[in-house]
C-alpha atoms as a PDB file:
ATOM      1  CA  MET A   1      13.032  26.512   8.717  1.00  0.00           C
ATOM      2  CA  THR A   2      11.636  25.981   5.419  1.00  0.00           C
ATOM      3  CA  PHE A   3       8.138  24.827   4.517  1.00  0.00           C
ATOM      4  CA  LYS A   4       8.341  21.991   2.466  1.00  0.00           C
ATOM      5  CA  PRO A   5       4.438  21.341   0.934  1.00  0.00           C
ATOM      6  CA  SER A   6       5.198  17.920  -0.469  1.00  0.00           C
ATOM      7  CA  ALA A   7       6.194  16.658   2.978  1.00  0.00           C
ATOM      8  CA  PHE A   8       3.322  18.251   4.791  1.00  0.00           C
ATOM      9  CA  ALA A   9       0.964  16.764   1.845  1.00  0.00           C
ATOM     10  CA  VAL A  10       2.389  13.297   2.634  1.00  0.00           C
ATOM     11  CA  ALA A  11       2.110  13.754   6.190  1.00  0.00           C
ATOM     12  CA  VAL A  12      -1.771  14.901   6.009  1.00  0.00           C
ATOM     13  CA  ALA A  13      -2.283  11.853   3.758  1.00  0.00           C
ATOM     14  CA  LEU A  14      -0.703   9.376   6.217  1.00  0.00           C
ATOM     15  CA  ILE A  15      -2.769  10.850   9.026  1.00  0.00           C
ATOM     16  CA  LEU A  16      -5.895  10.399   7.188  1.00  0.00           C
ATOM     17  CA  ALA A  17      -5.112   6.968   6.234  1.00  0.00           C
ATOM     18  CA  TYR A  18      -4.211   6.193  10.051  1.00  0.00           C
ATOM     19  CA  CYS A  19      -7.836   7.695  10.771  1.00  0.00           C
ATOM     20  CA  THR A  20      -9.492   5.290   8.136  1.00  0.00           C
ATOM     21  CA  VAL A  21      -8.340   2.158  10.004  1.00  0.00           C
ATOM     22  CA  PRO A  22     -11.209   1.645  12.260  1.00  0.00           C
ATOM     23  CA  VAL A  23     -13.544   2.152   9.506  1.00  0.00           C
ATOM     24  CA  PHE A  24     -12.041  -0.611   7.626  1.00  0.00           C
ATOM     25  CA  ALA A  25     -11.999  -2.644  10.873  1.00  0.00           C
ATOM     26  CA  GLY A  26     -15.764  -2.297  10.824  1.00  0.00           C
ATOM     27  CA  HIS A  27     -15.910  -0.370  13.767  1.00  0.00           C
ATOM     28  CA  GLY A  28     -16.743   2.990  12.797  1.00  0.00           C
ATOM     29  CA  ALA A  29     -15.032   6.272  13.716  1.00  0.00           C
ATOM     30  CA  GLY A  30     -15.489   5.756  17.415  1.00  0.00           C
ATOM     31  CA  VAL A  31     -12.640   3.326  17.637  1.00  0.00           C
ATOM     32  CA  MET A  32     -10.450   6.402  16.144  1.00  0.00           C
ATOM     33  CA  GLY A  33     -11.436   8.141  19.441  1.00  0.00           C
ATOM     34  CA  LEU A  34     -10.165   5.263  21.444  1.00  0.00           C
ATOM     35  CA  LEU A  35      -7.026   5.231  19.481  1.00  0.00           C
ATOM     36  CA  LEU A  36      -6.328   9.008  20.147  1.00  0.00           C
ATOM     37  CA  PHE A  37      -8.140  10.055  23.409  1.00  0.00           C
ATOM     38  CA  SER A  38      -7.906   6.892  25.587  1.00  0.00           C
ATOM     39  CA  GLY A  39      -4.994   8.774  27.484  1.00  0.00           C
ATOM     40  CA  GLY A  40      -2.859   5.729  27.281  1.00  0.00           C
ATOM     41  CA  PRO A  41       0.577   5.116  25.761  1.00  0.00           C
ATOM     42  CA  ASN A  42      -0.961   4.431  22.603  1.00  0.00           C
ATOM     43  CA  ALA A  43      -2.539   7.739  22.265  1.00  0.00           C
ATOM     44  CA  THR A  44       0.481   9.587  23.332  1.00  0.00           C
ATOM     45  CA  MET A  45       2.335   8.097  20.680  1.00  0.00           C
ATOM     46  CA  ALA A  46      -0.223   8.471  18.209  1.00  0.00           C
ATOM     47  CA  TRP A  47      -0.054  12.237  18.804  1.00  0.00           C
ATOM     48  CA  PHE A  48       3.454  12.490  18.871  1.00  0.00           C
ATOM     49  CA  GLY A  49       3.667  10.617  15.390  1.00  0.00           C
ATOM     50  CA  ILE A  50       0.837  13.096  14.106  1.00  0.00           C
ATOM     51  CA  LEU A  51       2.979  16.090  15.683  1.00  0.00           C
ATOM     52  CA  ALA A  52       6.198  15.022  14.066  1.00  0.00           C
ATOM     53  CA  SER A  53       5.116  13.949  10.757  1.00  0.00           C
ATOM     54  CA  LEU A  54       3.494  17.557  10.251  1.00  0.00           C
ATOM     55  CA  GLY A  55       6.452  19.042  12.382  1.00  0.00           C
ATOM     56  CA  ALA A  56       8.972  17.609   9.777  1.00  0.00           C
ATOM     57  CA  SER A  57       7.212  19.656   7.046  1.00  0.00           C
ATOM     58  CA  PHE A  58       9.115  22.648   8.502  1.00  0.00           C
ATOM     59  CA  LEU A  59      12.554  21.097   9.208  1.00  0.00           C
ATOM     60  CA  ARG A  60      15.503  21.179   6.710  1.00  0.00           C
ATOM     61  CA  TRP A  61      16.713  17.510   7.688  1.00  0.00           C
ATOM     62  CA  GLU A  62      14.913  15.035   5.565  1.00  0.00           C
ATOM     63  CA  LEU A  63      15.282  12.139   7.546  1.00  0.00           C
ATOM     64  CA  ALA A  64      13.157  13.822  10.139  1.00  0.00           C
ATOM     65  CA  SER A  65      10.312  12.735   8.001  1.00  0.00           C
ATOM     66  CA  LEU A  66      10.715   9.234   9.130  1.00  0.00           C
ATOM     67  CA  LEU A  67      10.180   9.812  12.693  1.00  0.00           C
ATOM     68  CA  GLY A  68       6.552  10.415  12.606  1.00  0.00           C
ATOM     69  CA  PRO A  69       5.559   7.592  10.494  1.00  0.00           C
ATOM     70  CA  VAL A  70       7.372   5.071  12.238  1.00  0.00           C
ATOM     71  CA  VAL A  71       5.967   6.319  15.488  1.00  0.00           C
ATOM     72  CA  LEU A  72       2.446   6.197  14.225  1.00  0.00           C
ATOM     73  CA  ALA A  73       3.115   2.903  12.796  1.00  0.00           C
ATOM     74  CA  ILE A  74       4.231   1.571  16.409  1.00  0.00           C
ATOM     75  CA  ALA A  75       1.125   3.358  17.838  1.00  0.00           C
ATOM     76  CA  LEU A  76      -1.160   1.382  15.329  1.00  0.00           C
ATOM     77  CA  TRP A  77       0.011  -2.078  15.957  1.00  0.00           C
ATOM     78  CA  SER A  78       0.169  -1.356  19.876  1.00  0.00           C
ATOM     79  CA  GLY A  79      -3.537  -0.007  19.560  1.00  0.00           C
ATOM     80  CA  PHE A  80      -4.441  -3.418  17.739  1.00  0.00           C
ATOM     81  CA  VAL A  81      -3.004  -5.370  20.628  1.00  0.00           C
ATOM     82  CA  GLU A  82      -4.487  -3.264  23.248  1.00  0.00           C
ATOM     83  CA  ILE A  83      -7.929  -3.902  21.616  1.00  0.00           C
ATOM     84  CA  TYR A  84      -7.801  -7.307  20.428  1.00  0.00           C
ATOM     85  CA  GLY A  85      -5.267  -8.684  22.439  1.00  0.00           C
ATOM     86  CA  GLN A  86      -1.785  -9.961  22.132  1.00  0.00           C
ATOM     87  CA  ASP A  87      -2.856 -13.732  21.044  1.00  0.00           C
ATOM     88  CA  LYS A  88      -5.005 -12.609  18.342  1.00  0.00           C
ATOM     89  CA  VAL A  89      -2.942  -9.944  16.715  1.00  0.00           C
ATOM     90  CA  LEU A  90       0.277 -11.589  16.826  1.00  0.00           C
ATOM     91  CA  SER A  91      -1.146 -14.792  15.186  1.00  0.00           C
ATOM     92  CA  ILE A  92      -0.435 -15.100  11.408  1.00  0.00           C
ATOM     93  CA  GLN A  93      -4.459 -14.458  10.680  1.00  0.00           C
ATOM     94  CA  GLY A  94      -4.423 -11.439  12.890  1.00  0.00           C
ATOM     95  CA  MET A  95      -1.276  -9.869  11.364  1.00  0.00           C
ATOM     96  CA  LEU A  96      -2.953 -10.637   7.736  1.00  0.00           C
ATOM     97  CA  THR A  97      -6.507  -8.859   8.867  1.00  0.00           C
ATOM     98  CA  GLY A  98      -4.327  -5.814  10.515  1.00  0.00           C
ATOM     99  CA  LEU A  99      -2.699  -5.363   7.064  1.00  0.00           C
ATOM    100  CA  ILE A 100      -5.902  -5.658   5.303  1.00  0.00           C
ATOM    101  CA  TRP A 101      -7.619  -3.099   7.699  1.00  0.00           C
ATOM    102  CA  SER A 102      -4.491  -0.756   7.497  1.00  0.00           C
ATOM    103  CA  VAL A 103      -3.868  -1.070   3.772  1.00  0.00           C
ATOM    104  CA  LEU A 104      -3.997   2.799   3.036  1.00  0.00           C
ATOM    105  CA  PHE A 105      -2.086   3.463   6.153  1.00  0.00           C
ATOM    106  CA  HIS A 106       0.829   1.214   5.286  1.00  0.00           C
ATOM    107  CA  LEU A 107       0.881   2.252   1.365  1.00  0.00           C
ATOM    108  CA  MET A 108       1.070   5.928   2.739  1.00  0.00           C
ATOM    109  CA  LEU A 109       3.889   4.799   5.082  1.00  0.00           C
ATOM    110  CA  LEU A 110       5.848   3.209   2.123  1.00  0.00           C
ATOM    111  CA  ILE A 111       5.191   6.250   0.081  1.00  0.00           C
ATOM    112  CA  SER A 112       6.496   8.366   3.095  1.00  0.00           C
ATOM    113  CA  PHE A 113       9.730   6.347   3.273  1.00  0.00           C
ATOM    114  CA  VAL A 114      10.530   6.342  -0.495  1.00  0.00           C
ATOM    115  CA  ARG A 115      10.001   9.881  -1.111  1.00  0.00           C
ATOM    116  CA  THR A 116      12.152  10.756   2.217  1.00  0.00           C
ATOM    117  CA  LEU A 117      14.985   8.557   0.826  1.00  0.00           C
ATOM    118  CA  LEU A 118      14.764   9.866  -2.869  1.00  0.00           C
ATOM    119  CA  LEU A 119      15.142  13.300  -1.652  1.00  0.00           C
ATOM    120  CA  TRP A 120      17.837  12.245   0.702  1.00  0.00           C
ATOM    121  CA  GLN A 121      19.631  10.838  -2.171  1.00  0.00           C
ATOM    122  CA  GLU A 122      18.987  13.804  -4.259  1.00  0.00           C
ATOM    123  CA  GLN A 123      20.316  16.047  -1.363  1.00  0.00           C
ATOM    124  CA  ARG A 124      23.419  14.061  -0.738  1.00  0.00           C
ATOM    125  CA  GLU A 125      24.064  14.095  -4.976  1.00  0.00           C
ATOM    126  CA  TYR A 126      23.706  17.631  -5.029  1.00  0.00           C
ATOM    127  CA  GLU A 127      26.227  18.163  -2.057  1.00  0.00           C
ATOM    128  CA  ARG A 128      28.628  16.035  -3.961  1.00  0.00           C
ATOM    129  CA  LEU A 129      28.329  17.854  -7.210  1.00  0.00           C
ATOM    130  CA  HIS A 130      28.304  21.299  -5.719  1.00  0.00           C
END
């Protein structure tokens, strides 16, 4: 096990961005409690995504860094559906609104993916040369 500070920093930033979504939605931090402590499947997925994101910072396998962010994204959109209803969220306007509320989260999600893919490509290139 090796600690990767860059992976840890990206994971922490992703988690903090996840926590800003209710604030941008105009609900305040109380909804974050609903998303994380409701005891339902969305809360379980969110905690698994948080732990997987942080845990990937200690693994040598770079692709493990993708698991946590993907699970967090699924938990976020499932939480939107649970809170606002499927009809509202799955409409074009609902999706755009959800994307606007979670723009920081999705930006960090993209940064996480790009970082992981670049490191994976660099690792393969290193293995090919040595």
